[in-house]
Amino acid sequence: MNNEILLLGKKILVDASPVVLSYQPDENFREVWEDKGGTWTYENGYLVGCEPENKGGILLSRQRFDKDVMMSFTVASVLPATRDLNAVYCTTWDDELNYLKKSYISGLNGWYEAKSGIERFPEDELRALTPFYHYEPGKEVRMTVGAIQGHNFLLVDGVLIQELIDNMDPIVGGHVGFSPYSTKLKIKDIEVREICWEERKQSYLPEF
C-alpha cells in the first residue's frame, strides 16, 4: 500500500496508522470472524464465502472498532462467479431482523451492471457508483476500504476508485467484514488499521 492515501481535503498517513487486526486465514477462523449469512469455509489459505441466492452472505469480525478504521485485503472471485466482491464496515448486526443495521458497503462488479462503488446500507439511502472500473473475474486484487467520520474511500491495488462523503448522519464505529452478494469469493491477508490522518489543504492556481 502507498504510504499516503490522498482524499478530498484529507491525507491518510498509512505508516502512522496502527494495525489493530492482522489475520491470515486458518481452520479456526470462527475465533476471529462470525458467519452470519451464506456459507463460509477455510480452503488452502483463504476464507471462501458463497451465497448463490439473490442476497448477501455476511462474515463479520468479532472485534468491534469504535474509532475510524480502514481494512485492506486480497480478494478474488471464484470462477465461474464474476460479481459483487463486497466489504462491509462501520456495521452492527440486528438480531431481530437477522441482518445488518446501518452500514457502509464498498464493492466491485456489483449493482447489477458490473459497477464499483460505495453505498450506505440500507440500500437506496446513499450511493456513489462508477462503471469505469471493471474487475477482471478470477483475478486477485488488493482492496482497501474505510471511512473517516463518514468520508468513505475505496482503493484497488493502491488506486483510488471512489469516495463517498456522508456528512448528514455519518456512521462511526462498528464491525468490519465481507459480503458476497449472489456470488463466491476468496479472501486472504486481512489487515485493519486505525486511521491516522491530517487535513489536506487544496486550492486552484490560475491555469490561463
N, C-alpha and C. Protein backbone atom coordinates (compact mmCIF):
# COMPACT_ATOMS: atom_id res chain seq x y z
N MET A 1 0.85 -1.20 0.00
CA MET A 1 0.00 0.00 0.00
C MET A 1 0.88 1.24 0.00
N ASN A 2 0.40 2.31 -0.62
CA ASN A 2 1.12 3.56 -0.58
C ASN A 2 1.23 4.07 0.85
N ASN A 3 2.27 4.88 1.11
CA ASN A 3 2.44 5.43 2.46
C ASN A 3 1.40 6.48 2.79
N GLU A 4 0.77 7.05 1.76
CA GLU A 4 -0.26 8.05 1.95
C GLU A 4 -1.44 7.73 1.04
N ILE A 5 -2.62 8.03 1.52
CA ILE A 5 -3.83 7.96 0.71
C ILE A 5 -4.40 9.38 0.65
N LEU A 6 -4.48 9.93 -0.55
CA LEU A 6 -4.93 11.31 -0.72
C LEU A 6 -6.40 11.34 -1.07
N LEU A 7 -7.19 11.94 -0.18
CA LEU A 7 -8.62 12.11 -0.37
C LEU A 7 -8.93 13.60 -0.50
N LEU A 8 -10.17 13.90 -0.80
CA LEU A 8 -10.58 15.30 -0.85
C LEU A 8 -10.47 15.91 0.54
N GLY A 9 -9.51 16.80 0.71
CA GLY A 9 -9.35 17.50 1.99
C GLY A 9 -8.68 16.71 3.09
N LYS A 10 -8.26 15.49 2.81
CA LYS A 10 -7.66 14.64 3.84
C LYS A 10 -6.48 13.86 3.28
N LYS A 11 -5.51 13.61 4.14
CA LYS A 11 -4.38 12.75 3.80
C LYS A 11 -4.28 11.68 4.88
N ILE A 12 -4.42 10.42 4.48
CA ILE A 12 -4.27 9.31 5.42
C ILE A 12 -2.79 8.94 5.47
N LEU A 13 -2.24 8.90 6.68
CA LEU A 13 -0.85 8.54 6.90
C LEU A 13 -0.81 7.05 7.24
N VAL A 14 -0.58 6.23 6.25
CA VAL A 14 -0.71 4.78 6.42
C VAL A 14 0.28 4.25 7.43
N ASP A 15 1.54 4.64 7.33
CA ASP A 15 2.56 4.11 8.24
C ASP A 15 2.30 4.49 9.68
N ALA A 16 1.65 5.63 9.90
CA ALA A 16 1.34 6.09 11.26
C ALA A 16 0.02 5.53 11.78
N SER A 17 -0.69 4.81 10.93
CA SER A 17 -1.98 4.23 11.32
C SER A 17 -1.74 2.85 11.92
N PRO A 18 -1.96 2.68 13.23
CA PRO A 18 -1.60 1.42 13.88
C PRO A 18 -2.47 0.26 13.42
N VAL A 19 -1.85 -0.91 13.27
CA VAL A 19 -2.57 -2.13 12.93
C VAL A 19 -3.31 -2.62 14.16
N VAL A 20 -4.63 -2.78 14.05
CA VAL A 20 -5.44 -3.26 15.17
C VAL A 20 -5.97 -4.68 14.95
N LEU A 21 -5.81 -5.18 13.73
CA LEU A 21 -6.14 -6.58 13.44
C LEU A 21 -5.33 -7.01 12.22
N SER A 22 -4.60 -8.10 12.36
CA SER A 22 -3.88 -8.70 11.25
C SER A 22 -4.24 -10.18 11.24
N TYR A 23 -4.74 -10.66 10.11
CA TYR A 23 -5.26 -12.03 10.10
C TYR A 23 -4.93 -12.74 8.81
N GLN A 24 -4.35 -13.92 8.95
CA GLN A 24 -4.17 -14.87 7.86
C GLN A 24 -5.13 -16.03 8.10
N PRO A 25 -5.97 -16.35 7.12
CA PRO A 25 -6.99 -17.39 7.34
C PRO A 25 -6.41 -18.73 7.77
N ASP A 26 -7.16 -19.40 8.65
CA ASP A 26 -6.83 -20.76 9.06
C ASP A 26 -8.12 -21.47 9.43
N GLU A 27 -7.99 -22.72 9.86
CA GLU A 27 -9.18 -23.53 10.16
C GLU A 27 -9.98 -22.99 11.33
N ASN A 28 -9.36 -22.18 12.16
CA ASN A 28 -10.03 -21.65 13.35
C ASN A 28 -10.57 -20.24 13.11
N PHE A 29 -10.96 -19.94 11.90
CA PHE A 29 -11.35 -18.57 11.56
C PHE A 29 -12.54 -18.07 12.38
N ARG A 30 -13.36 -18.97 12.88
CA ARG A 30 -14.54 -18.54 13.65
C ARG A 30 -14.18 -17.99 15.03
N GLU A 31 -12.93 -18.13 15.44
CA GLU A 31 -12.49 -17.47 16.66
C GLU A 31 -12.34 -15.96 16.44
N VAL A 32 -12.14 -15.55 15.20
CA VAL A 32 -11.94 -14.14 14.86
C VAL A 32 -13.15 -13.57 14.12
N TRP A 33 -13.83 -14.42 13.36
CA TRP A 33 -14.93 -14.00 12.50
C TRP A 33 -16.19 -14.78 12.84
N GLU A 34 -17.31 -14.17 12.58
CA GLU A 34 -18.61 -14.81 12.83
C GLU A 34 -19.40 -14.83 11.54
N ASP A 35 -19.74 -16.03 11.05
CA ASP A 35 -20.50 -16.11 9.81
C ASP A 35 -21.98 -15.93 10.12
N LYS A 36 -22.57 -14.96 9.43
CA LYS A 36 -23.95 -14.57 9.67
C LYS A 36 -24.87 -14.92 8.51
N GLY A 37 -24.31 -15.17 7.35
CA GLY A 37 -25.12 -15.48 6.18
C GLY A 37 -24.26 -16.08 5.10
N GLY A 38 -24.84 -16.93 4.28
CA GLY A 38 -24.08 -17.64 3.27
C GLY A 38 -23.29 -18.78 3.88
N THR A 39 -22.40 -19.36 3.10
CA THR A 39 -21.57 -20.47 3.55
C THR A 39 -20.12 -20.03 3.56
N TRP A 40 -19.43 -20.22 4.69
CA TRP A 40 -18.05 -19.80 4.85
C TRP A 40 -17.18 -20.98 5.23
N THR A 41 -16.05 -21.13 4.53
CA THR A 41 -15.13 -22.23 4.79
C THR A 41 -13.70 -21.72 4.70
N TYR A 42 -12.78 -22.53 5.20
CA TYR A 42 -11.36 -22.27 5.01
C TYR A 42 -10.84 -23.25 3.97
N GLU A 43 -10.16 -22.72 2.93
CA GLU A 43 -9.63 -23.58 1.88
C GLU A 43 -8.29 -23.05 1.40
N ASN A 44 -7.23 -23.82 1.64
CA ASN A 44 -5.91 -23.55 1.05
C ASN A 44 -5.42 -22.12 1.29
N GLY A 45 -5.57 -21.64 2.52
CA GLY A 45 -5.06 -20.32 2.87
C GLY A 45 -6.04 -19.18 2.67
N TYR A 46 -7.27 -19.48 2.27
CA TYR A 46 -8.28 -18.46 2.01
C TYR A 46 -9.53 -18.68 2.85
N LEU A 47 -10.21 -17.58 3.18
CA LEU A 47 -11.60 -17.65 3.59
C LEU A 47 -12.43 -17.64 2.31
N VAL A 48 -13.32 -18.60 2.19
CA VAL A 48 -14.15 -18.70 1.00
C VAL A 48 -15.60 -18.48 1.40
N GLY A 49 -16.24 -17.47 0.79
CA GLY A 49 -17.63 -17.16 1.06
C GLY A 49 -18.49 -17.38 -0.15
N CYS A 50 -19.64 -18.02 0.06
CA CYS A 50 -20.52 -18.36 -1.06
C CYS A 50 -21.96 -18.05 -0.69
N GLU A 51 -22.63 -17.31 -1.58
CA GLU A 51 -24.07 -17.06 -1.45
C GLU A 51 -24.67 -17.06 -2.85
N PRO A 52 -25.25 -18.18 -3.30
CA PRO A 52 -25.77 -18.26 -4.67
C PRO A 52 -27.09 -17.52 -4.89
N GLU A 53 -27.84 -17.28 -3.82
CA GLU A 53 -29.14 -16.64 -3.98
C GLU A 53 -28.99 -15.13 -4.15
N ASN A 54 -30.09 -14.46 -4.47
CA ASN A 54 -30.08 -13.02 -4.68
C ASN A 54 -30.13 -12.29 -3.33
N LYS A 55 -29.04 -12.45 -2.57
CA LYS A 55 -28.90 -11.81 -1.27
C LYS A 55 -27.43 -11.85 -0.89
N GLY A 56 -27.11 -11.21 0.23
CA GLY A 56 -25.73 -11.13 0.64
C GLY A 56 -25.37 -12.13 1.71
N GLY A 57 -24.28 -12.85 1.50
CA GLY A 57 -23.67 -13.58 2.60
C GLY A 57 -22.92 -12.59 3.48
N ILE A 58 -22.77 -12.90 4.76
CA ILE A 58 -22.15 -11.95 5.69
C ILE A 58 -21.16 -12.67 6.59
N LEU A 59 -19.94 -12.14 6.67
CA LEU A 59 -18.93 -12.57 7.64
C LEU A 59 -18.45 -11.33 8.37
N LEU A 60 -18.61 -11.30 9.70
CA LEU A 60 -18.27 -10.11 10.49
C LEU A 60 -17.17 -10.41 11.49
N SER A 61 -16.34 -9.41 11.74
CA SER A 61 -15.34 -9.53 12.79
C SER A 61 -16.02 -9.61 14.14
N ARG A 62 -15.49 -10.45 15.02
CA ARG A 62 -16.00 -10.47 16.39
C ARG A 62 -15.58 -9.21 17.13
N GLN A 63 -14.44 -8.68 16.75
CA GLN A 63 -13.94 -7.46 17.36
C GLN A 63 -14.69 -6.25 16.82
N ARG A 64 -15.02 -5.34 17.72
CA ARG A 64 -15.67 -4.09 17.33
C ARG A 64 -14.63 -2.98 17.39
N PHE A 65 -14.70 -2.08 16.43
CA PHE A 65 -13.77 -0.96 16.34
C PHE A 65 -14.55 0.33 16.53
N ASP A 66 -14.29 1.04 17.61
CA ASP A 66 -15.06 2.25 17.89
C ASP A 66 -14.46 3.50 17.27
N LYS A 67 -13.22 3.40 16.77
CA LYS A 67 -12.61 4.52 16.08
C LYS A 67 -12.62 4.26 14.58
N ASP A 68 -12.31 5.28 13.80
CA ASP A 68 -12.28 5.14 12.35
C ASP A 68 -11.19 4.15 11.94
N VAL A 69 -11.55 3.18 11.11
CA VAL A 69 -10.59 2.18 10.65
C VAL A 69 -10.70 2.02 9.14
N MET A 70 -9.62 1.45 8.58
CA MET A 70 -9.64 1.01 7.18
C MET A 70 -9.19 -0.43 7.15
N MET A 71 -9.72 -1.17 6.19
CA MET A 71 -9.42 -2.59 6.07
C MET A 71 -8.84 -2.85 4.68
N SER A 72 -7.72 -3.56 4.65
CA SER A 72 -7.11 -3.99 3.40
C SER A 72 -7.12 -5.51 3.35
N PHE A 73 -7.32 -6.05 2.15
CA PHE A 73 -7.39 -7.50 2.00
C PHE A 73 -7.20 -7.86 0.53
N THR A 74 -6.74 -9.08 0.32
CA THR A 74 -6.60 -9.62 -1.03
C THR A 74 -7.81 -10.48 -1.32
N VAL A 75 -8.42 -10.27 -2.49
CA VAL A 75 -9.70 -10.92 -2.78
C VAL A 75 -9.76 -11.29 -4.26
N ALA A 76 -10.50 -12.35 -4.56
CA ALA A 76 -10.77 -12.75 -5.94
C ALA A 76 -12.11 -13.46 -5.98
N SER A 77 -12.81 -13.32 -7.10
CA SER A 77 -13.99 -14.15 -7.29
C SER A 77 -13.54 -15.56 -7.61
N VAL A 78 -14.36 -16.52 -7.27
CA VAL A 78 -14.08 -17.93 -7.56
C VAL A 78 -14.90 -18.30 -8.79
N LEU A 79 -14.23 -18.43 -9.91
CA LEU A 79 -14.93 -18.71 -11.17
C LEU A 79 -15.74 -20.00 -11.07
N PRO A 80 -16.92 -20.05 -11.70
CA PRO A 80 -17.44 -19.09 -12.68
C PRO A 80 -18.11 -17.85 -12.09
N ALA A 81 -18.07 -17.65 -10.78
CA ALA A 81 -18.63 -16.44 -10.19
C ALA A 81 -17.85 -15.22 -10.67
N THR A 82 -18.54 -14.13 -10.94
CA THR A 82 -17.91 -12.96 -11.54
C THR A 82 -18.19 -11.65 -10.82
N ARG A 83 -19.08 -11.63 -9.82
CA ARG A 83 -19.61 -10.34 -9.40
C ARG A 83 -19.56 -10.13 -7.88
N ASP A 84 -19.78 -8.89 -7.49
CA ASP A 84 -20.05 -8.47 -6.12
C ASP A 84 -19.02 -8.95 -5.11
N LEU A 85 -17.82 -8.38 -5.21
CA LEU A 85 -16.79 -8.56 -4.19
C LEU A 85 -16.96 -7.40 -3.21
N ASN A 86 -17.62 -7.63 -2.10
CA ASN A 86 -18.05 -6.56 -1.22
C ASN A 86 -17.43 -6.66 0.17
N ALA A 87 -17.09 -5.50 0.72
CA ALA A 87 -16.66 -5.39 2.11
C ALA A 87 -17.67 -4.52 2.86
N VAL A 88 -17.87 -4.81 4.13
CA VAL A 88 -18.74 -4.00 4.98
C VAL A 88 -17.92 -3.47 6.15
N TYR A 89 -18.29 -2.29 6.63
CA TYR A 89 -17.58 -1.68 7.76
C TYR A 89 -18.51 -0.67 8.42
N CYS A 90 -18.11 -0.24 9.61
CA CYS A 90 -18.99 0.61 10.43
C CYS A 90 -20.35 -0.06 10.56
N THR A 91 -20.34 -1.36 10.82
CA THR A 91 -21.58 -2.13 10.78
C THR A 91 -21.88 -2.79 12.11
N THR A 92 -23.17 -3.05 12.33
CA THR A 92 -23.66 -3.75 13.52
C THR A 92 -24.72 -4.73 13.08
N TRP A 93 -24.79 -5.85 13.77
CA TRP A 93 -25.77 -6.88 13.42
C TRP A 93 -27.08 -6.65 14.16
N ASP A 94 -28.20 -6.81 13.46
CA ASP A 94 -29.53 -6.68 14.04
C ASP A 94 -30.09 -8.09 14.26
N ASP A 95 -30.15 -8.52 15.51
CA ASP A 95 -30.60 -9.88 15.81
C ASP A 95 -32.08 -10.07 15.49
N GLU A 96 -32.87 -9.02 15.60
CA GLU A 96 -34.30 -9.16 15.31
C GLU A 96 -34.54 -9.34 13.81
N LEU A 97 -33.87 -8.54 13.00
CA LEU A 97 -34.01 -8.66 11.55
C LEU A 97 -33.15 -9.77 10.97
N ASN A 98 -32.17 -10.22 11.76
CA ASN A 98 -31.20 -11.21 11.29
C ASN A 98 -30.47 -10.71 10.05
N TYR A 99 -30.08 -9.44 10.11
CA TYR A 99 -29.30 -8.84 9.03
C TYR A 99 -28.60 -7.60 9.56
N LEU A 100 -27.90 -6.92 8.67
CA LEU A 100 -27.13 -5.75 9.07
C LEU A 100 -28.02 -4.59 9.48
N LYS A 101 -27.54 -3.81 10.45
CA LYS A 101 -28.09 -2.49 10.70
C LYS A 101 -27.40 -1.52 9.74
N LYS A 102 -27.49 -0.23 10.03
CA LYS A 102 -26.85 0.75 9.16
C LYS A 102 -25.37 0.43 9.00
N SER A 103 -24.89 0.49 7.77
CA SER A 103 -23.53 0.08 7.45
C SER A 103 -23.07 0.80 6.19
N TYR A 104 -21.76 0.77 5.98
CA TYR A 104 -21.21 1.14 4.69
C TYR A 104 -20.75 -0.12 3.98
N ILE A 105 -20.96 -0.14 2.67
CA ILE A 105 -20.56 -1.27 1.84
C ILE A 105 -19.76 -0.73 0.65
N SER A 106 -18.58 -1.29 0.43
CA SER A 106 -17.79 -0.98 -0.76
C SER A 106 -17.64 -2.25 -1.58
N GLY A 107 -17.74 -2.13 -2.90
CA GLY A 107 -17.69 -3.35 -3.69
C GLY A 107 -17.25 -3.14 -5.13
N LEU A 108 -16.93 -4.27 -5.76
CA LEU A 108 -16.53 -4.32 -7.17
C LEU A 108 -17.48 -5.22 -7.93
N ASN A 109 -17.73 -4.86 -9.19
CA ASN A 109 -18.59 -5.64 -10.10
C ASN A 109 -19.96 -5.93 -9.50
N GLY A 110 -20.57 -4.91 -8.96
CA GLY A 110 -21.88 -5.08 -8.33
C GLY A 110 -22.94 -4.19 -8.92
N TRP A 111 -24.02 -4.04 -8.17
CA TRP A 111 -25.15 -3.20 -8.52
C TRP A 111 -25.70 -3.56 -9.89
N TYR A 112 -25.70 -4.86 -10.18
CA TYR A 112 -26.39 -5.46 -11.32
C TYR A 112 -25.77 -5.15 -12.69
N GLU A 113 -24.87 -4.18 -12.77
CA GLU A 113 -24.29 -3.80 -14.06
C GLU A 113 -22.78 -3.66 -13.98
N ALA A 114 -22.14 -4.52 -13.16
CA ALA A 114 -20.68 -4.54 -13.03
C ALA A 114 -20.11 -3.18 -12.65
N LYS A 115 -20.81 -2.49 -11.76
CA LYS A 115 -20.32 -1.20 -11.28
C LYS A 115 -19.51 -1.40 -10.00
N SER A 116 -18.64 -0.45 -9.72
CA SER A 116 -17.89 -0.43 -8.48
C SER A 116 -18.31 0.81 -7.70
N GLY A 117 -18.21 0.73 -6.38
CA GLY A 117 -18.58 1.91 -5.62
C GLY A 117 -18.83 1.65 -4.16
N ILE A 118 -19.55 2.60 -3.57
CA ILE A 118 -19.80 2.62 -2.13
C ILE A 118 -21.26 2.96 -1.91
N GLU A 119 -21.86 2.29 -0.93
CA GLU A 119 -23.22 2.67 -0.56
C GLU A 119 -23.39 2.65 0.95
N ARG A 120 -24.33 3.43 1.40
CA ARG A 120 -24.77 3.40 2.78
C ARG A 120 -25.97 2.48 2.83
N PHE A 121 -25.89 1.45 3.65
CA PHE A 121 -26.98 0.49 3.78
C PHE A 121 -27.86 0.90 4.96
N PRO A 122 -29.18 0.74 4.94
CA PRO A 122 -29.97 0.04 3.95
C PRO A 122 -29.88 0.68 2.56
N GLU A 123 -30.00 -0.18 1.55
CA GLU A 123 -29.84 0.27 0.17
C GLU A 123 -30.81 1.39 -0.14
N ASP A 124 -30.41 2.21 -1.08
CA ASP A 124 -31.14 3.39 -1.55
C ASP A 124 -30.98 4.60 -0.63
N GLU A 125 -30.24 4.47 0.50
CA GLU A 125 -30.03 5.65 1.34
C GLU A 125 -29.04 6.62 0.71
N LEU A 126 -27.90 6.10 0.25
CA LEU A 126 -26.86 6.95 -0.32
C LEU A 126 -25.90 6.05 -1.09
N ARG A 127 -25.56 6.44 -2.32
CA ARG A 127 -24.68 5.62 -3.16
C ARG A 127 -23.78 6.51 -4.00
N ALA A 128 -22.57 6.00 -4.29
CA ALA A 128 -21.67 6.60 -5.28
C ALA A 128 -21.11 5.45 -6.09
N LEU A 129 -21.46 5.39 -7.37
CA LEU A 129 -21.12 4.25 -8.22
C LEU A 129 -20.42 4.71 -9.49
N THR A 130 -19.59 3.83 -10.05
CA THR A 130 -18.95 4.13 -11.32
C THR A 130 -18.92 2.89 -12.20
N PRO A 131 -19.13 3.04 -13.51
CA PRO A 131 -18.98 1.93 -14.44
C PRO A 131 -17.58 1.84 -15.01
N PHE A 132 -16.67 2.72 -14.60
CA PHE A 132 -15.38 2.85 -15.28
C PHE A 132 -14.28 1.97 -14.72
N TYR A 133 -14.48 1.40 -13.52
CA TYR A 133 -13.53 0.39 -13.05
C TYR A 133 -14.20 -0.98 -13.21
N HIS A 134 -13.57 -1.86 -13.97
CA HIS A 134 -14.12 -3.19 -14.17
C HIS A 134 -13.14 -4.22 -13.60
N TYR A 135 -13.61 -4.94 -12.62
CA TYR A 135 -12.82 -6.02 -12.04
C TYR A 135 -12.79 -7.20 -13.01
N GLU A 136 -11.60 -7.80 -13.18
CA GLU A 136 -11.45 -8.97 -14.03
C GLU A 136 -11.74 -10.23 -13.20
N PRO A 137 -12.83 -10.92 -13.46
CA PRO A 137 -13.21 -12.08 -12.63
C PRO A 137 -12.09 -13.10 -12.51
N GLY A 138 -11.91 -13.59 -11.29
CA GLY A 138 -10.90 -14.59 -11.01
C GLY A 138 -9.54 -14.03 -10.65
N LYS A 139 -9.33 -12.74 -10.88
CA LYS A 139 -8.02 -12.12 -10.62
C LYS A 139 -7.95 -11.64 -9.17
N GLU A 140 -6.83 -11.89 -8.51
CA GLU A 140 -6.63 -11.37 -7.17
C GLU A 140 -6.28 -9.89 -7.22
N VAL A 141 -6.96 -9.11 -6.39
CA VAL A 141 -6.67 -7.68 -6.25
C VAL A 141 -6.59 -7.35 -4.77
N ARG A 142 -5.96 -6.24 -4.49
CA ARG A 142 -5.84 -5.75 -3.12
C ARG A 142 -6.80 -4.58 -2.94
N MET A 143 -7.80 -4.77 -2.09
CA MET A 143 -8.78 -3.73 -1.82
C MET A 143 -8.49 -3.07 -0.48
N THR A 144 -8.71 -1.77 -0.42
CA THR A 144 -8.65 -1.02 0.84
C THR A 144 -9.92 -0.19 0.93
N VAL A 145 -10.63 -0.34 2.04
CA VAL A 145 -11.88 0.38 2.24
C VAL A 145 -11.90 0.95 3.65
N GLY A 146 -12.69 2.00 3.86
CA GLY A 146 -12.83 2.55 5.20
C GLY A 146 -13.56 3.87 5.15
N ALA A 147 -13.64 4.51 6.32
CA ALA A 147 -14.33 5.79 6.42
C ALA A 147 -13.75 6.60 7.56
N ILE A 148 -13.69 7.92 7.34
CA ILE A 148 -13.29 8.88 8.38
C ILE A 148 -14.51 9.75 8.66
N GLN A 149 -15.21 9.46 9.75
CA GLN A 149 -16.39 10.24 10.10
C GLN A 149 -17.33 10.40 8.91
N GLY A 150 -17.58 9.31 8.20
CA GLY A 150 -18.49 9.31 7.06
C GLY A 150 -17.85 9.58 5.72
N HIS A 151 -16.56 9.92 5.68
CA HIS A 151 -15.85 10.12 4.42
C HIS A 151 -15.28 8.77 3.99
N ASN A 152 -15.99 8.11 3.08
CA ASN A 152 -15.66 6.76 2.64
C ASN A 152 -14.68 6.78 1.48
N PHE A 153 -13.91 5.70 1.38
CA PHE A 153 -12.97 5.56 0.27
C PHE A 153 -12.82 4.09 -0.10
N LEU A 154 -12.54 3.87 -1.38
CA LEU A 154 -12.32 2.54 -1.94
C LEU A 154 -11.12 2.60 -2.86
N LEU A 155 -10.12 1.78 -2.56
CA LEU A 155 -8.93 1.67 -3.40
C LEU A 155 -8.78 0.24 -3.89
N VAL A 156 -8.26 0.10 -5.10
CA VAL A 156 -7.93 -1.22 -5.66
C VAL A 156 -6.49 -1.17 -6.14
N ASP A 157 -5.68 -2.06 -5.60
CA ASP A 157 -4.25 -2.09 -5.94
C ASP A 157 -3.61 -0.72 -5.81
N GLY A 158 -3.98 -0.01 -4.75
CA GLY A 158 -3.39 1.28 -4.44
C GLY A 158 -3.95 2.46 -5.19
N VAL A 159 -4.92 2.24 -6.06
CA VAL A 159 -5.52 3.32 -6.86
C VAL A 159 -6.90 3.67 -6.30
N LEU A 160 -7.13 4.94 -6.04
CA LEU A 160 -8.41 5.40 -5.52
C LEU A 160 -9.48 5.28 -6.60
N ILE A 161 -10.51 4.50 -6.31
CA ILE A 161 -11.60 4.27 -7.27
C ILE A 161 -12.80 5.16 -6.96
N GLN A 162 -13.09 5.37 -5.66
CA GLN A 162 -14.33 6.06 -5.31
C GLN A 162 -14.21 6.69 -3.93
N GLU A 163 -14.87 7.84 -3.78
CA GLU A 163 -15.10 8.45 -2.47
C GLU A 163 -16.60 8.68 -2.31
N LEU A 164 -17.06 8.62 -1.09
CA LEU A 164 -18.44 8.95 -0.75
C LEU A 164 -18.42 9.70 0.58
N ILE A 165 -18.89 10.94 0.57
CA ILE A 165 -18.87 11.76 1.78
C ILE A 165 -20.28 11.85 2.34
N ASP A 166 -20.45 11.27 3.51
CA ASP A 166 -21.75 11.19 4.19
C ASP A 166 -21.68 12.11 5.41
N ASN A 167 -22.01 13.38 5.19
CA ASN A 167 -21.91 14.36 6.27
C ASN A 167 -23.18 14.51 7.09
N MET A 168 -24.32 14.07 6.57
CA MET A 168 -25.58 14.33 7.24
C MET A 168 -25.74 13.52 8.52
N ASP A 169 -25.41 12.23 8.45
CA ASP A 169 -25.57 11.36 9.62
C ASP A 169 -24.55 10.24 9.52
N PRO A 170 -23.27 10.55 9.64
CA PRO A 170 -22.23 9.55 9.41
C PRO A 170 -22.31 8.39 10.40
N ILE A 171 -22.00 7.20 9.89
CA ILE A 171 -21.93 6.01 10.74
C ILE A 171 -20.49 5.91 11.24
N VAL A 172 -20.33 5.84 12.54
CA VAL A 172 -18.99 5.79 13.13
C VAL A 172 -18.90 4.60 14.06
N GLY A 173 -17.89 3.79 13.88
CA GLY A 173 -17.67 2.64 14.75
C GLY A 173 -18.49 1.43 14.33
N GLY A 174 -17.98 0.26 14.69
CA GLY A 174 -18.70 -0.97 14.39
C GLY A 174 -17.75 -2.09 13.99
N HIS A 175 -18.31 -3.12 13.42
CA HIS A 175 -17.54 -4.27 12.97
C HIS A 175 -17.15 -4.09 11.50
N VAL A 176 -16.20 -4.90 11.06
CA VAL A 176 -15.84 -4.97 9.65
C VAL A 176 -16.11 -6.39 9.16
N GLY A 177 -16.19 -6.54 7.85
CA GLY A 177 -16.42 -7.89 7.33
C GLY A 177 -16.57 -7.91 5.83
N PHE A 178 -17.20 -8.96 5.35
CA PHE A 178 -17.29 -9.22 3.91
C PHE A 178 -18.70 -9.69 3.57
N SER A 179 -19.10 -9.42 2.31
CA SER A 179 -20.45 -9.77 1.90
C SER A 179 -20.51 -10.15 0.43
N PRO A 180 -20.28 -11.42 0.10
CA PRO A 180 -20.51 -11.87 -1.27
C PRO A 180 -22.00 -11.86 -1.57
N TYR A 181 -22.39 -11.08 -2.58
CA TYR A 181 -23.81 -10.97 -2.91
C TYR A 181 -24.06 -11.78 -4.19
N SER A 182 -24.76 -12.88 -4.03
CA SER A 182 -25.07 -13.76 -5.15
C SER A 182 -23.81 -14.14 -5.92
N THR A 183 -22.79 -14.55 -5.18
CA THR A 183 -21.50 -14.85 -5.79
C THR A 183 -20.68 -15.73 -4.88
N LYS A 184 -19.45 -16.00 -5.29
CA LYS A 184 -18.50 -16.77 -4.48
C LYS A 184 -17.15 -16.09 -4.59
N LEU A 185 -16.50 -15.87 -3.44
CA LEU A 185 -15.21 -15.19 -3.43
C LEU A 185 -14.28 -15.81 -2.42
N LYS A 186 -12.99 -15.46 -2.52
CA LYS A 186 -12.00 -15.93 -1.57
C LYS A 186 -11.14 -14.76 -1.12
N ILE A 187 -10.71 -14.79 0.17
CA ILE A 187 -10.08 -13.64 0.80
C ILE A 187 -8.88 -14.11 1.62
N LYS A 188 -7.82 -13.32 1.63
CA LYS A 188 -6.68 -13.59 2.50
C LYS A 188 -5.99 -12.27 2.85
N ASP A 189 -4.94 -12.35 3.69
CA ASP A 189 -4.09 -11.19 4.02
C ASP A 189 -4.91 -10.00 4.48
N ILE A 190 -5.65 -10.19 5.54
CA ILE A 190 -6.56 -9.16 6.04
C ILE A 190 -5.86 -8.30 7.09
N GLU A 191 -5.96 -7.00 6.93
CA GLU A 191 -5.35 -6.06 7.87
C GLU A 191 -6.30 -4.90 8.13
N VAL A 192 -6.49 -4.59 9.41
CA VAL A 192 -7.32 -3.45 9.80
C VAL A 192 -6.43 -2.45 10.54
N ARG A 193 -6.49 -1.20 10.12
CA ARG A 193 -5.70 -0.14 10.75
C ARG A 193 -6.62 0.96 11.28
N GLU A 194 -6.28 1.48 12.45
CA GLU A 194 -6.93 2.68 12.96
C GLU A 194 -6.38 3.86 12.19
N ILE A 195 -7.25 4.67 11.61
CA ILE A 195 -6.81 5.68 10.65
C ILE A 195 -6.19 6.89 11.35
N CYS A 196 -4.97 7.20 10.94
CA CYS A 196 -4.30 8.44 11.32
C CYS A 196 -4.30 9.34 10.08
N TRP A 197 -4.83 10.55 10.20
CA TRP A 197 -4.94 11.41 9.04
C TRP A 197 -4.71 12.86 9.43
N GLU A 198 -4.48 13.68 8.44
CA GLU A 198 -4.34 15.10 8.66
C GLU A 198 -5.07 15.86 7.57
N GLU A 199 -5.38 17.11 7.87
CA GLU A 199 -6.07 17.95 6.89
C GLU A 199 -5.17 18.18 5.68
N ARG A 200 -5.78 18.17 4.52
CA ARG A 200 -5.07 18.41 3.27
C ARG A 200 -5.67 19.66 2.62
N LYS A 201 -4.91 20.72 2.61
CA LYS A 201 -5.40 21.97 2.03
C LYS A 201 -5.22 21.92 0.53
N GLN A 202 -6.27 22.24 -0.19
CA GLN A 202 -6.25 22.21 -1.64
C GLN A 202 -6.80 23.51 -2.20
N SER A 203 -6.22 23.96 -3.28
CA SER A 203 -6.71 25.17 -3.94
C SER A 203 -6.25 25.13 -5.39
N TYR A 204 -6.91 25.92 -6.21
CA TYR A 204 -6.54 26.03 -7.62
C TYR A 204 -5.58 27.19 -7.82
N LEU A 205 -4.61 26.97 -8.70
CA LEU A 205 -3.79 28.06 -9.21
C LEU A 205 -4.32 28.43 -10.59
N PRO A 206 -4.19 29.70 -10.99
CA PRO A 206 -4.67 30.08 -12.32
C PRO A 206 -3.99 29.23 -13.40
N GLU A 207 -4.74 28.77 -14.35
CA GLU A 207 -4.16 27.98 -15.44
C GLU A 207 -4.27 28.69 -16.80
N PHE A 208 -4.76 29.94 -16.82
CA PHE A 208 -4.77 30.73 -18.06
C PHE A 208 -4.84 32.20 -17.69
